[in-house]
Protein backbone atom coordinates (compact mmCIF):
# COMPACT_ATOMS: atom_id res chain seq x y z
CA MET A 1 -12.02 -45.56 67.65
CA GLU A 2 -8.42 -46.35 66.71
CA PRO A 3 -6.60 -43.28 67.25
CA GLU A 4 -8.06 -43.49 71.17
CA ASN A 5 -5.84 -47.35 71.22
CA TYR A 6 -2.55 -45.43 70.32
CA THR A 7 -0.38 -42.86 72.10
CA MET A 8 0.39 -39.80 69.90
CA VAL A 9 3.76 -40.07 67.74
CA THR A 10 6.26 -37.85 69.71
CA GLU A 11 9.28 -39.06 67.01
CA PHE A 12 9.58 -40.51 63.76
CA VAL A 13 12.41 -43.39 62.55
CA LEU A 14 13.94 -42.93 59.29
CA ILE A 15 14.10 -45.58 56.95
CA GLY A 16 17.22 -44.08 55.22
CA LEU A 17 18.40 -44.62 51.46
CA SER A 18 19.58 -48.17 52.04
CA GLN A 19 20.07 -51.41 55.02
CA THR A 20 23.10 -52.58 53.36
CA ARG A 21 26.10 -51.36 55.48
CA GLU A 22 28.42 -51.50 52.21
CA ILE A 23 26.49 -49.41 50.00
CA GLN A 24 25.67 -46.61 53.41
CA LEU A 25 29.50 -46.17 53.49
CA ILE A 26 29.61 -45.44 49.83
CA LEU A 27 26.95 -43.04 49.95
CA PHE A 28 28.64 -41.53 52.88
CA VAL A 29 31.80 -40.55 51.04
CA ILE A 30 29.81 -39.56 47.95
CA PHE A 31 27.45 -37.32 50.07
CA LEU A 32 30.33 -35.83 52.16
CA SER A 33 32.26 -35.15 48.96
CA PHE A 34 29.13 -33.27 47.71
CA TYR A 35 28.73 -31.03 50.55
CA LEU A 36 32.21 -30.32 51.26
CA PHE A 37 32.47 -28.84 47.91
CA ILE A 38 28.68 -26.91 47.50
CA LEU A 39 29.90 -24.96 50.91
CA PRO A 40 33.03 -24.01 50.29
CA GLY A 41 32.04 -22.90 46.36
CA ASN A 42 28.74 -21.38 47.27
CA ILE A 43 30.68 -19.17 50.03
CA LEU A 44 33.65 -18.64 47.77
CA ILE A 45 30.55 -17.05 44.91
CA ILE A 46 29.08 -14.68 47.82
CA CYS A 47 32.37 -13.20 49.01
CA THR A 48 33.78 -12.77 45.38
CA ILE A 49 30.54 -10.54 44.37
CA LYS A 50 30.45 -8.72 47.85
CA LEU A 51 33.96 -7.88 47.80
CA ASP A 52 34.59 -7.41 43.84
CA PRO A 53 33.06 -3.70 42.97
CA HIS A 54 32.84 -4.45 39.64
CA LEU A 55 30.21 -7.28 40.05
CA THR A 56 27.22 -4.91 40.59
CA SER A 57 24.84 -5.67 38.13
CA PRO A 58 21.52 -7.25 39.18
CA MET A 59 22.65 -10.61 37.50
CA TYR A 60 25.54 -10.85 40.44
CA PHE A 61 23.28 -9.87 42.88
CA LEU A 62 21.15 -12.36 42.54
CA LEU A 63 23.70 -15.28 42.11
CA ALA A 64 25.15 -14.10 45.45
CA ASN A 65 21.14 -14.55 46.95
CA LEU A 66 20.90 -17.83 45.12
CA ALA A 67 24.60 -19.18 46.26
CA PHE A 68 23.26 -18.36 50.05
CA LEU A 69 19.87 -20.31 49.46
CA ASP A 70 21.79 -23.16 48.28
CA ILE A 71 23.98 -23.04 51.45
CA TRP A 72 21.15 -23.09 53.41
CA TYR A 73 18.96 -25.99 51.38
CA SER A 74 22.19 -28.01 51.43
CA SER A 75 21.94 -28.25 55.54
CA ILE A 76 18.35 -28.55 55.82
CA THR A 77 19.07 -32.34 54.91
CA ALA A 78 22.78 -33.34 54.44
CA PRO A 79 23.88 -32.99 57.87
CA LYS A 80 21.87 -34.94 59.87
CA MET A 81 21.75 -37.61 56.64
CA LEU A 82 25.80 -37.66 57.05
CA VAL A 83 25.45 -38.34 60.59
CA ASP A 84 22.49 -40.78 60.44
CA PHE A 85 24.91 -42.88 58.49
CA PHE A 86 27.01 -44.35 62.05
CA VAL A 87 23.73 -44.42 63.69
CA GLU A 88 21.93 -47.81 64.52
CA ARG A 89 18.57 -46.06 65.04
CA LYS A 90 17.91 -43.19 62.83
CA THR A 91 15.07 -40.99 64.40
CA ILE A 92 13.91 -37.86 64.48
CA SER A 93 11.62 -35.85 66.57
CA PHE A 94 7.95 -34.44 65.57
CA GLY A 95 9.05 -30.63 66.21
CA GLY A 96 12.67 -31.62 64.43
CA CYS A 97 10.49 -33.23 61.44
CA ILE A 98 8.22 -30.29 61.14
CA ALA A 99 11.02 -27.84 61.41
CA GLN A 100 12.51 -29.90 58.79
CA LEU A 101 9.61 -30.02 56.24
CA PHE A 102 9.07 -26.17 56.65
CA PHE A 103 13.15 -25.03 55.94
CA LEU A 104 13.20 -27.76 53.20
CA HIS A 105 10.18 -26.42 51.51
CA PHE A 106 10.49 -22.77 52.46
CA VAL A 107 14.47 -22.42 50.85
CA GLY A 108 13.31 -24.90 48.18
CA ALA A 109 10.18 -22.68 46.33
CA SER A 110 11.97 -19.43 47.08
CA GLU A 111 15.07 -20.86 45.08
CA MET A 112 12.48 -21.58 42.43
CA PHE A 113 11.34 -18.20 42.38
CA LEU A 114 14.86 -16.94 42.37
CA LEU A 115 15.52 -18.69 39.26
CA THR A 116 12.40 -17.20 37.75
CA VAL A 117 13.94 -13.89 38.58
CA MET A 118 17.17 -14.72 37.00
CA ALA A 119 15.82 -15.71 33.68
CA PHE A 120 13.31 -12.81 33.44
CA ASP A 121 16.89 -10.42 34.32
CA ARG A 122 18.58 -12.10 31.57
CA TYR A 123 15.46 -11.94 29.19
CA ALA A 124 15.52 -8.00 29.69
CA ALA A 125 19.12 -7.69 29.18
CA ILE A 126 19.18 -9.65 26.13
CA CYS A 127 16.13 -8.84 24.70
CA ARG A 128 15.22 -5.44 26.13
CA PRO A 129 18.80 -3.44 26.47
CA LEU A 130 17.53 -0.31 26.23
CA HIS A 131 15.08 -0.56 29.15
CA TYR A 132 17.53 -2.97 30.96
CA ALA A 133 19.03 -0.65 33.43
CA THR A 134 15.15 1.14 34.16
CA ILE A 135 13.37 -2.32 34.58
CA MET A 136 16.20 -4.25 36.70
CA ASN A 137 17.14 -0.99 38.83
CA ARG A 138 18.28 -1.71 42.40
CA SER A 139 14.86 -1.27 44.70
CA LEU A 140 13.22 -3.59 41.70
CA CYS A 141 15.97 -6.49 42.26
CA CYS A 142 15.52 -6.45 46.27
CA ILE A 143 11.44 -6.20 46.00
CA LEU A 144 11.85 -9.63 43.84
CA VAL A 145 14.23 -11.17 46.13
CA ALA A 146 11.88 -10.65 48.91
CA LEU A 147 9.14 -11.14 46.92
CA SER A 148 10.62 -14.70 46.38
CA TRP A 149 11.54 -15.12 50.04
CA MET A 150 7.89 -14.08 50.74
CA GLY A 151 6.20 -16.89 48.40
CA GLY A 152 8.80 -19.51 49.76
CA PHE A 153 7.32 -18.60 53.34
CA ILE A 154 3.69 -18.87 52.59
CA HIS A 155 4.17 -21.91 50.44
CA SER A 156 5.95 -23.23 53.28
CA ILE A 157 3.66 -22.55 56.11
CA ILE A 158 0.59 -23.73 54.09
CA GLN A 159 2.35 -27.29 54.21
CA VAL A 160 3.58 -27.01 57.66
CA ALA A 161 -0.28 -25.72 58.88
CA LEU A 162 -1.46 -29.13 56.84
CA ILE A 163 0.67 -31.44 58.29
CA ILE A 164 -0.15 -29.98 62.22
CA ARG A 165 -3.89 -30.39 61.89
CA LEU A 166 -3.58 -34.29 61.19
CA PRO A 167 -3.19 -36.90 64.10
CA PHE A 168 -0.45 -39.48 64.11
CA CYS A 169 -0.93 -42.59 66.23
CA GLY A 170 1.34 -44.73 64.79
CA PRO A 171 3.23 -46.56 62.58
CA ASN A 172 5.81 -43.90 62.67
CA GLU A 173 8.32 -45.27 60.60
CA LEU A 174 9.10 -43.04 57.24
CA ASP A 175 10.56 -44.83 54.13
CA ASN A 176 12.75 -41.85 53.47
CA TYR A 177 15.82 -40.19 54.62
CA PHE A 178 14.37 -37.34 55.49
CA CYS A 179 10.94 -35.53 56.14
CA ASP A 180 8.72 -34.73 53.36
CA ILE A 181 5.08 -34.27 53.29
CA THR A 182 4.25 -37.44 51.15
CA GLN A 183 6.14 -39.52 53.62
CA VAL A 184 4.31 -37.50 56.64
CA VAL A 185 0.98 -37.31 55.23
CA ARG A 186 0.67 -41.30 54.32
CA ILE A 187 1.17 -42.25 58.09
CA ALA A 188 -1.43 -40.04 59.30
CA CYS A 189 -4.44 -41.93 61.33
CA ALA A 190 -7.37 -39.98 59.50
CA ASN A 191 -8.67 -39.20 56.33
CA THR A 192 -6.24 -36.93 54.07
CA PHE A 193 -7.58 -36.44 50.94
CA LEU A 194 -8.26 -32.82 51.43
CA GLU A 195 -4.70 -32.00 52.68
CA GLU A 196 -3.08 -33.90 49.86
CA LEU A 197 -5.63 -32.55 47.30
CA VAL A 198 -4.06 -29.05 48.84
CA MET A 199 -0.55 -29.76 49.00
CA ILE A 200 -0.22 -31.42 45.33
CA PHE A 201 -2.00 -27.59 44.17
CA SER A 202 0.41 -25.70 46.69
CA SER A 203 3.58 -28.22 45.56
CA GLY A 204 2.86 -28.76 42.43
CA LEU A 205 1.40 -25.28 41.12
CA ILE A 206 4.90 -23.73 42.28
CA SER A 207 6.83 -26.28 40.40
CA VAL A 208 4.56 -26.18 37.05
CA VAL A 209 4.56 -22.20 37.53
CA CYS A 210 8.07 -21.62 37.83
CA PHE A 211 9.10 -24.43 35.13
CA ILE A 212 6.67 -23.13 32.99
CA ALA A 213 7.65 -19.39 33.64
CA LEU A 214 11.87 -20.66 33.12
CA LEU A 215 10.88 -22.57 29.58
CA VAL A 216 9.33 -19.43 28.30
CA SER A 217 11.75 -17.23 28.98
CA TYR A 218 14.84 -19.08 27.85
CA ALA A 219 12.66 -19.57 24.71
CA PHE A 220 12.74 -16.08 24.43
CA LEU A 221 16.19 -15.64 24.63
CA LEU A 222 17.24 -18.30 22.62
CA ALA A 223 14.58 -17.03 19.90
CA MET A 224 16.26 -13.55 19.98
CA LEU A 225 19.97 -14.97 20.42
CA LYS A 226 19.01 -17.32 17.25
CA LYS A 227 17.47 -13.89 14.94
CA HIS A 228 20.96 -12.38 15.69
CA SER A 229 23.30 -14.63 15.11
CA GLY A 230 24.14 -13.44 11.62
CA SER A 231 25.77 -9.97 12.99
CA VAL A 232 29.16 -9.46 12.43
CA SER A 233 29.80 -9.47 15.84
CA GLU A 234 27.90 -9.53 19.37
CA ASP A 235 28.33 -5.63 19.99
CA ALA A 236 27.58 -4.35 16.52
CA GLY A 237 24.52 -6.36 16.57
CA THR A 238 23.27 -4.93 19.76
CA MET A 239 24.17 -1.28 18.55
CA GLU A 240 22.28 -1.59 15.41
CA ALA A 241 19.43 -3.05 17.26
CA GLN A 242 19.20 -0.02 19.56
CA ARG A 243 19.69 2.02 16.58
CA LYS A 244 16.67 0.50 14.97
CA ARG A 245 14.61 0.36 18.47
CA LEU A 246 15.23 4.11 18.98
CA GLN A 247 14.65 5.05 15.56
CA ARG A 248 11.27 2.85 15.89
CA SER A 249 10.32 5.05 18.85
CA THR A 250 10.99 8.38 17.10
CA VAL A 251 8.70 7.69 13.83
CA GLN A 252 6.33 6.12 15.90
CA GLY A 253 6.30 9.26 18.38
CA MET A 254 5.77 11.26 14.99
CA GLU A 255 2.63 8.94 13.99
CA ARG A 256 1.03 9.84 17.23
CA VAL A 257 0.98 13.68 16.45
CA ASN A 258 0.44 12.98 12.73
CA ASN A 259 -2.36 10.37 13.09
CA THR A 260 -5.76 10.57 14.77
CA MET A 261 -6.76 7.88 17.05
CA VAL A 262 -7.97 4.50 15.74
CA THR A 263 -11.96 4.28 15.72
CA GLU A 264 -12.19 1.15 13.64
CA PHE A 265 -10.13 -1.98 12.68
CA ILE A 266 -9.94 -3.54 9.44
CA LEU A 267 -10.11 -7.44 9.43
CA LEU A 268 -7.92 -9.10 6.84
CA GLY A 269 -10.32 -12.63 7.72
CA LEU A 270 -8.85 -15.98 6.79
CA THR A 271 -8.07 -15.90 2.79
CA GLN A 272 -7.94 -13.71 0.33
CA SER A 273 -9.14 -16.20 -2.45
CA ARG A 274 -12.75 -16.05 -3.49
CA ASP A 275 -12.74 -19.94 -3.75
CA ILE A 276 -11.77 -20.76 -0.54
CA GLN A 277 -13.97 -17.98 0.96
CA LEU A 278 -16.95 -19.42 -0.39
CA LEU A 279 -15.71 -23.47 0.80
CA VAL A 280 -14.72 -21.34 4.16
CA PHE A 281 -18.27 -20.02 4.27
CA VAL A 282 -20.34 -23.23 3.48
CA LEU A 283 -17.94 -25.18 6.41
CA ILE A 284 -18.71 -22.78 9.22
CA LEU A 285 -22.37 -22.32 8.10
CA ILE A 286 -22.63 -25.99 8.54
CA PHE A 287 -20.98 -25.89 11.87
CA TYR A 288 -22.54 -23.45 13.56
CA LEU A 289 -26.05 -24.66 12.66
CA ILE A 290 -25.09 -27.87 14.02
CA ILE A 291 -23.46 -26.38 17.21
CA LEU A 292 -26.57 -23.71 18.03
CA PRO A 293 -29.41 -26.70 17.68
CA GLY A 294 -26.86 -29.44 19.62
CA ASN A 295 -25.99 -27.02 22.86
CA ILE A 296 -29.55 -26.10 22.93
CA LEU A 297 -30.99 -29.78 22.71
CA ILE A 298 -28.66 -30.62 25.33
CA ILE A 299 -29.67 -28.06 27.93
CA LEU A 300 -33.76 -29.21 27.56
CA THR A 301 -32.88 -32.54 27.66
CA ILE A 302 -31.17 -32.40 30.96
CA ARG A 303 -33.44 -29.68 32.14
CA SER A 304 -36.86 -31.62 31.15
CA ASP A 305 -35.52 -35.02 32.32
CA SER A 306 -36.04 -35.72 36.15
CA THR A 307 -33.40 -38.63 36.35
CA LEU A 308 -30.37 -36.58 34.90
CA THR A 309 -29.81 -34.67 38.34
CA ALA A 310 -26.38 -35.72 38.82
CA PRO A 311 -23.67 -33.18 39.15
CA LEU A 312 -22.15 -34.52 35.93
CA TYR A 313 -25.33 -33.19 34.12
CA PHE A 314 -25.71 -30.10 36.25
CA PHE A 315 -22.04 -29.00 34.72
CA LEU A 316 -23.03 -30.48 31.45
CA SER A 317 -25.86 -28.58 30.67
CA ASN A 318 -23.86 -25.26 31.82
CA LEU A 319 -20.93 -26.48 29.23
CA ALA A 320 -23.98 -26.60 26.52
CA PHE A 321 -24.69 -22.89 27.26
CA LEU A 322 -21.29 -21.73 27.40
CA ASP A 323 -20.76 -23.47 24.03
CA ALA A 324 -23.91 -22.08 22.93
CA SER A 325 -22.64 -18.63 23.78
CA TYR A 326 -19.14 -19.35 22.84
CA SER A 327 -20.04 -19.70 19.20
CA PHE A 328 -21.85 -16.32 18.92
CA ILE A 329 -18.86 -14.37 19.73
CA VAL A 330 -16.76 -15.33 16.52
CA ALA A 331 -19.04 -17.21 13.92
CA PRO A 332 -22.35 -14.89 12.84
CA ARG A 333 -19.79 -11.80 12.14
CA MET A 334 -17.03 -14.31 10.37
CA LEU A 335 -20.37 -15.31 8.11
CA VAL A 336 -21.50 -11.68 7.32
CA ASP A 337 -17.97 -10.62 6.57
CA PHE A 338 -17.59 -12.99 3.65
CA LEU A 339 -19.89 -11.39 1.96
CA SER A 340 -18.66 -7.73 2.48
CA GLU A 341 -15.72 -6.43 0.46
CA LYS A 342 -14.31 -4.61 3.27
CA LYS A 343 -14.49 -6.31 6.77
CA VAL A 344 -14.48 -3.55 9.50
CA ILE A 345 -14.82 -3.62 13.30
CA SER A 346 -15.45 -0.65 15.45
CA TYR A 347 -13.39 0.15 18.24
CA GLN A 348 -15.31 -0.80 21.15
CA GLY A 349 -16.92 -3.78 18.97
CA CYS A 350 -13.44 -4.95 18.67
CA ILE A 351 -13.19 -4.91 22.53
CA THR A 352 -16.27 -6.27 23.24
CA GLN A 353 -15.15 -9.23 21.27
CA LEU A 354 -12.13 -9.58 22.92
CA PHE A 355 -13.96 -9.34 26.54
CA PHE A 356 -16.60 -12.13 25.69
CA LEU A 357 -14.55 -14.53 23.86
CA HIS A 358 -11.94 -14.55 27.12
CA PHE A 359 -14.89 -14.28 29.52
CA LEU A 360 -16.60 -17.23 28.09
CA GLY A 361 -13.22 -19.28 26.94
CA GLY A 362 -11.67 -19.07 30.61
CA GLY A 363 -14.70 -19.92 31.96
CA GLU A 364 -15.21 -23.27 29.81
CA GLY A 365 -11.65 -23.69 30.76
CA LEU A 366 -12.57 -23.84 34.31
CA LEU A 367 -15.51 -25.80 33.64
CA LEU A 368 -13.51 -28.44 32.25
CA VAL A 369 -11.26 -29.03 35.29
CA VAL A 370 -14.40 -28.82 37.41
CA MET A 371 -16.12 -31.51 35.37
CA ALA A 372 -12.68 -33.55 35.44
CA PHE A 373 -12.76 -33.25 39.42
CA ASP A 374 -16.36 -34.69 39.39
CA ARG A 375 -15.22 -37.54 37.60
CA TYR A 376 -12.32 -38.30 40.04
CA MET A 377 -14.58 -37.64 43.02
CA ALA A 378 -16.99 -40.36 41.04
CA ILE A 379 -14.67 -42.94 40.33
CA CYS A 380 -11.94 -42.64 42.82
CA ARG A 381 -13.57 -41.27 46.03
CA PRO A 382 -17.00 -43.46 45.74
CA LEU A 383 -18.13 -42.97 49.24
CA HIS A 384 -17.36 -39.24 49.62
CA TYR A 385 -19.16 -38.48 46.30
CA SER A 386 -22.39 -37.44 47.11
CA THR A 387 -21.22 -35.40 50.39
CA VAL A 388 -18.56 -33.43 48.99
CA MET A 389 -20.36 -33.06 45.21
CA CYS A 390 -23.67 -31.39 46.75
CA PRO A 391 -25.39 -29.10 45.06
CA ARG A 392 -24.21 -26.47 47.31
CA THR A 393 -20.70 -27.07 46.00
CA CYS A 394 -21.63 -27.54 42.47
CA TYR A 395 -23.12 -23.94 42.32
CA ALA A 396 -20.27 -22.54 44.35
CA MET A 397 -18.30 -24.33 41.92
CA LEU A 398 -19.83 -22.87 39.24
CA MET A 399 -19.86 -19.52 40.78
CA ALA A 400 -15.99 -19.48 40.88
CA LEU A 401 -15.68 -20.57 37.33
CA TRP A 402 -17.74 -17.73 36.25
CA LEU A 403 -15.71 -15.32 38.20
CA GLY A 404 -12.30 -16.60 37.32
CA GLY A 405 -13.46 -16.49 33.90
CA PHE A 406 -14.37 -12.56 34.08
CA VAL A 407 -11.34 -11.48 36.14
CA HIS A 408 -9.42 -13.26 33.70
CA SER A 409 -10.88 -11.12 31.09
CA ILE A 410 -11.29 -7.88 32.41
CA ILE A 411 -7.46 -8.10 33.16
CA GLN A 412 -7.35 -8.52 28.77
CA VAL A 413 -9.53 -5.69 28.22
CA ILE A 414 -8.01 -3.10 30.91
CA LEU A 415 -4.57 -3.58 29.54
CA ILE A 416 -5.77 -3.03 25.99
CA LEU A 417 -7.80 -0.09 26.88
CA ARG A 418 -4.95 1.79 28.00
CA LEU A 419 -2.89 1.56 24.94
CA PRO A 420 -2.75 4.47 22.47
CA PHE A 421 -4.04 2.96 18.80
CA CYS A 422 -3.29 5.41 16.10
CA GLY A 423 -2.55 3.62 13.23
CA PRO A 424 -2.07 1.12 11.21
CA ASN A 425 -5.66 -0.21 11.93
CA GLN A 426 -5.28 -3.88 10.29
CA LEU A 427 -5.78 -6.87 12.25
CA ASP A 428 -4.45 -9.84 10.52
CA ASN A 429 -7.13 -12.28 11.54
CA PHE A 430 -10.97 -12.45 10.94
CA PHE A 431 -11.39 -11.61 14.66
CA CYS A 432 -10.36 -9.18 17.56
CA ASP A 433 -7.79 -11.49 20.01
CA VAL A 434 -5.20 -9.98 22.17
CA PRO A 435 -1.98 -10.96 19.76
CA GLN A 436 -3.26 -9.51 16.85
CA VAL A 437 -4.37 -6.26 18.83
CA ILE A 438 -1.45 -5.36 21.03
CA LYS A 439 0.90 -5.53 17.52
CA LEU A 440 -0.87 -2.15 16.55
CA ALA A 441 -0.24 -0.40 19.62
CA CYS A 442 1.77 3.07 19.02
CA THR A 443 3.69 2.05 22.25
CA ASP A 444 6.40 -0.28 23.73
CA THR A 445 4.49 -3.09 25.00
CA PHE A 446 6.57 -4.91 26.52
CA VAL A 447 5.18 -5.08 29.90
CA VAL A 448 1.57 -5.27 29.17
CA GLU A 449 2.92 -8.63 26.54
CA LEU A 450 4.57 -9.73 29.66
CA LEU A 451 1.41 -9.40 31.72
CA MET A 452 -0.76 -11.13 29.28
CA VAL A 453 0.82 -14.26 28.28
CA PHE A 454 1.30 -14.68 32.33
CA ASN A 455 -2.22 -14.38 32.21
CA SER A 456 -3.68 -16.14 29.26
CA GLY A 457 -0.85 -18.14 29.16
CA LEU A 458 -0.80 -19.42 32.53
CA MET A 459 -4.28 -20.28 32.96
CA THR A 460 -4.33 -22.13 29.87
CA LEU A 461 -1.23 -24.30 31.08
CA LEU A 462 -2.68 -24.55 34.27
CA CYS A 463 -5.66 -25.77 33.29
CA PHE A 464 -4.39 -28.11 30.96
CA LEU A 465 -2.13 -29.51 33.55
CA GLY A 466 -4.62 -29.87 36.31
CA LEU A 467 -6.74 -31.66 33.25
CA LEU A 468 -4.01 -34.32 32.60
CA VAL A 469 -3.27 -35.08 36.33
CA SER A 470 -6.84 -35.49 37.07
CA TYR A 471 -7.52 -37.98 34.18
CA ALA A 472 -4.07 -39.55 34.83
CA VAL A 473 -4.95 -40.43 38.14
CA ILE A 474 -8.85 -41.77 37.41
CA LEU A 475 -7.25 -43.89 34.59
CA CYS A 476 -5.02 -45.41 36.80
CA ARG A 477 -7.69 -45.63 39.24
CA VAL A 478 -10.04 -47.64 36.72
CA HIS A 479 -7.03 -49.66 35.11
CA GLN A 480 -6.80 -51.19 38.40
CA SER A 481 -9.68 -51.71 39.38
CA SER A 482 -12.23 -55.13 38.49
CA SER A 483 -15.53 -53.27 38.44
CA GLU A 484 -18.16 -54.02 35.28
CA GLY A 485 -18.25 -50.55 34.77
CA LYS A 486 -14.08 -50.49 33.93
CA ASN A 487 -14.48 -50.35 30.02
CA LYS A 488 -17.02 -47.89 30.10
CA ALA A 489 -14.83 -45.30 32.61
CA MET A 490 -12.07 -45.65 30.28
CA SER A 491 -13.57 -44.91 27.15
CA THR A 492 -15.26 -41.96 28.68
CA CYS A 493 -12.14 -40.64 30.30
CA THR A 494 -9.75 -41.03 26.72
CA THR A 495 -12.30 -39.61 24.94
CA HIS A 496 -12.60 -36.89 27.29
CA VAL A 497 -8.53 -36.67 27.42
CA ILE A 498 -8.69 -36.15 23.43
CA VAL A 499 -10.94 -33.19 23.95
CA VAL A 500 -8.51 -31.60 26.60
CA PHE A 501 -5.49 -32.05 23.83
CA LEU A 502 -7.80 -30.88 21.29
CA MET A 503 -9.02 -27.54 23.14
CA PHE A 504 -6.04 -26.67 24.84
CA GLY A 505 -3.21 -27.39 22.40
CA PRO A 506 -4.28 -24.41 20.19
CA GLY A 507 -4.71 -21.92 23.18
CA ILE A 508 -1.65 -22.76 24.58
CA PHE A 509 0.06 -22.50 20.85
CA ILE A 510 -1.70 -19.02 20.83
CA TYR A 511 -0.94 -17.59 24.52
CA THR A 512 2.09 -18.84 25.69
CA ARG A 513 4.69 -17.87 23.24
CA PRO A 514 5.56 -13.95 22.28
CA PHE A 515 3.04 -12.52 19.90
CA ARG A 516 5.08 -13.16 17.00
CA ALA A 517 3.05 -13.51 13.79
CA LEU A 518 3.24 -17.37 12.23
CA PRO A 519 1.62 -18.57 9.36
CA ALA A 520 -0.32 -21.23 11.24
CA ASP A 521 -2.08 -18.82 13.99
CA LYS A 522 -5.24 -18.50 11.57
CA VAL A 523 -6.00 -22.04 11.19
CA VAL A 524 -5.03 -22.79 14.78
CA SER A 525 -7.32 -19.74 15.84
CA PHE A 526 -10.15 -20.93 13.88
CA PHE A 527 -10.30 -24.57 14.89
CA HIS A 528 -10.25 -22.80 18.44
CA THR A 529 -12.82 -20.94 18.17
CA VAL A 530 -15.29 -22.36 15.68
CA ILE A 531 -14.53 -26.09 15.24
CA PHE A 532 -13.87 -27.29 19.11
CA PRO A 533 -17.30 -26.07 20.39
CA LEU A 534 -18.92 -28.34 18.04
CA LEU A 535 -16.90 -31.31 20.00
CA ASN A 536 -18.32 -30.91 22.97
CA PRO A 537 -21.60 -32.14 22.14
CA VAL A 538 -20.58 -34.99 20.66
CA ILE A 539 -17.86 -36.21 22.92
CA TYR A 540 -19.49 -35.42 26.22
CA THR A 541 -23.27 -36.23 25.17
CA LEU A 542 -23.54 -38.90 22.13
CA ARG A 543 -21.36 -40.93 24.02
CA ASN A 544 -23.59 -40.59 27.28
CA ASN A 545 -26.46 -43.24 27.08
CA GLU A 546 -28.75 -41.85 29.41
CA VAL A 547 -28.49 -38.46 27.70
CA LYS A 548 -29.15 -40.41 24.08
CA ILE A 549 -31.88 -41.82 25.71
CA SER A 550 -33.38 -38.85 27.22
CA MET A 551 -32.98 -36.73 23.87
CA LYS A 552 -34.64 -39.57 21.82
CA LYS A 553 -37.73 -39.48 24.41
CA LEU A 554 -37.56 -35.53 24.12
CA LEU A 555 -37.56 -35.66 20.12
CA THR A 556 -40.12 -38.47 20.05
CA LYS A 557 -42.34 -36.72 22.60
CA TYR A 558 -42.23 -32.89 21.04
CA ILE A 559 -41.05 -33.36 17.29
CA ILE A 560 -42.77 -36.72 15.71
CA TYR A 561 -46.24 -36.18 17.92
């Protein structure tokens, strides 16, 4: 009824940075100085690059585009803000607010994408100098810039489309000096939960993805520069690196001719020490014998108890099924290999193991995100919980995460199948995984490595960050609450966060860095593929009183009697 009693908002009142006149004067001078410095500086950069025939490399082309975006970005808010310092009542029309919001996100997102492209350009120039001219040709540079602009446009139009749908009937004060999403959404006279969620994923996702891509790219650069820091000079180091790459390419080319295609891989295993092998065999066997019955018991308990019908238990039974399936991929073969002198796996077997490892692992990561969302809805939006988390939504989420795991895995497999393997065939691990397999390909794998890092590393990081954000919001809401179940909710969420770190920590370590062998790789992989599945039944089930009671009833019914 409230929207009917108000007229629709046609303008917004901007509160500004400060109400104190003296501070406003100081800020005006500071911002004006910055603006007068930024504008001519960026114009000078563009003119210099366009007029100098020597500045034709991709780096300068991208730099000129960045300078243009900076000019545009600074002109979206600064001029109006400077004018508003001298205006008693700072207002902006609804149309002007939407336009400012659109261009702010359009140009801002495009600039972030462009910075990512520039980081990739530097990576290709320093780490792949022989391929640089081929990779960063003029056509590709124009395409990358166009994609940056297109990405910014799509991101911005999503924000605007969501804002325009909202009704604004008062109040109309924005506690800022310009129009942005967080302030505008707050004054909408409607429930904005879904809009806020979509906007967080849109804006937050772009920021996080670009930030991670930049960190990864510059980490590669620093590692490469550190590696070559002992060279006599930069030119000599570059020439020597080029000579070695050419020599390696020649040797690899000869190997392709002189060697038949690889039909099997030799697994070097965790260790060569017989005593350590026996110890690890006993440990893995114990873990495996706990994982399988534990997860089967969880599934049977939830399926047989008619009181455990909430979405939480539905997802928990699916998580137990994934854990049981995941434990079949690596552990049984590893146990058999401890008793074998020569540990071999066929090429087809290796690809199959790799596929199911990423299929179920990717599905489990996405399922943990869904379970975190379920807890968020139950604790932070209890009135909307039964409506949002209905059976239809739960099944749709389940299908989506299985599909997500399949798509993630099939991309890995397709990229691996395209690579030629002509020797050597020794995998320095106890199972087949992307980083080890890709090293054995007798071709240049730079593009494939990059795609796999973005596929595996990006998925792991996004799930990890999504879980952290979700549980951070839940913990803050629980902390502010005064309900009786506060301690229980805090305990459950805290243990869930520990599991998130234990699962995604190893995944981030393995998949978000260059495929270089480190001494800790095998230990981290062992923890990631064998130890972690055991923790799910313990953390997610044994701390749940309802499931423990149901388990006792089931065991009493079918075992004792």
